[in-house]
């Protein structure tokens, strides 16, 4: 019984470490991707730019909500 508790505690700690790693990796990739995408136009109301930003936001939400 005690070994199950230790195994569960170790598994939980590994899952937390992995989740933190994935979150940091997602943040790094997002920041890197934003630097790689050239501006389409200088105006703030450009529909293509809005679509790009919305698509990126939706993708980030989708990825961040996926379970392990």
Protein backbone atom coordinates (compact mmCIF):
# COMPACT_ATOMS: atom_id res chain seq x y z
CA UNK A 1 0.00 0.00 0.00
CA UNK A 2 2.82 2.36 0.90
CA UNK A 3 4.65 1.64 -2.36
CA UNK A 4 1.50 2.56 -4.34
CA UNK A 5 1.41 5.90 -2.54
CA UNK A 6 5.05 6.57 -3.39
CA UNK A 7 4.54 5.49 -7.00
CA UNK A 8 1.51 7.77 -7.32
CA UNK A 9 3.40 10.68 -5.77
CA UNK A 10 6.32 10.20 -8.16
CA UNK A 11 3.95 9.94 -11.14
CA UNK A 12 2.15 13.13 -10.08
CA UNK A 13 5.45 14.97 -9.73
CA UNK A 14 6.60 13.78 -13.16
CA UNK A 15 3.28 14.87 -14.71
CA UNK A 16 3.62 18.32 -13.14
CA UNK A 17 7.21 18.63 -14.37
CA UNK A 18 6.18 17.54 -17.85
CA UNK A 19 3.21 19.94 -17.88
CA UNK A 20 5.48 22.80 -16.87
CA UNK A 21 7.97 21.86 -19.58
CA UNK A 22 5.22 21.75 -22.22
CA UNK A 23 3.84 25.12 -21.09
CA UNK A 24 7.30 26.71 -21.31
CA UNK A 25 7.88 25.14 -24.71
CA UNK A 26 4.53 26.42 -25.99
CA UNK A 27 5.33 29.92 -24.78
CA UNK A 28 8.77 29.83 -26.40
CA UNK A 29 7.37 28.54 -29.70
CA UNK A 30 4.62 31.16 -29.69
CA UNK A 31 7.04 34.00 -29.12
CA UNK A 32 9.37 32.65 -31.77
CA UNK A 33 6.55 32.21 -34.29
CA UNK A 34 5.36 35.77 -33.77
CA UNK A 35 8.83 37.04 -34.57
CA UNK A 36 8.97 34.95 -37.74
CA UNK A 37 5.66 36.16 -39.19
CA UNK A 38 6.23 39.36 -41.17
CA UNK A 39 3.70 42.15 -40.81
CA UNK A 40 1.17 42.06 -43.63
CA UNK A 41 0.35 45.75 -43.43
CA UNK A 42 1.06 48.61 -41.10
CA UNK A 43 -2.60 49.44 -40.49
CA UNK A 44 -4.14 47.99 -37.39
CA UNK A 45 -7.46 47.29 -39.09
CA UNK A 46 -6.11 45.04 -41.84
CA UNK A 47 -8.41 42.02 -42.07
CA UNK A 48 -5.59 39.60 -42.95
CA UNK A 49 -3.62 40.63 -39.90
CA UNK A 50 -6.69 40.28 -37.70
CA UNK A 51 -7.34 36.83 -39.15
CA UNK A 52 -3.74 35.81 -38.52
CA UNK A 53 -3.82 36.97 -34.90
CA UNK A 54 -7.19 35.33 -34.28
CA UNK A 55 -6.00 32.06 -35.82
CA UNK A 56 -2.86 32.10 -33.65
CA UNK A 57 -4.92 32.81 -30.54
CA UNK A 58 -7.37 30.02 -31.33
CA UNK A 59 -4.54 27.58 -31.98
CA UNK A 60 -2.80 28.50 -28.71
CA UNK A 61 -6.05 28.03 -26.79
CA UNK A 62 -6.65 24.66 -28.41
CA UNK A 63 -3.13 23.41 -27.69
CA UNK A 64 -3.08 24.69 -24.11
CA UNK A 65 -6.38 22.93 -23.31
CA UNK A 66 -5.28 19.53 -24.55
CA UNK A 67 -4.68 16.96 -21.83
CA UNK A 68 -1.59 14.87 -21.46
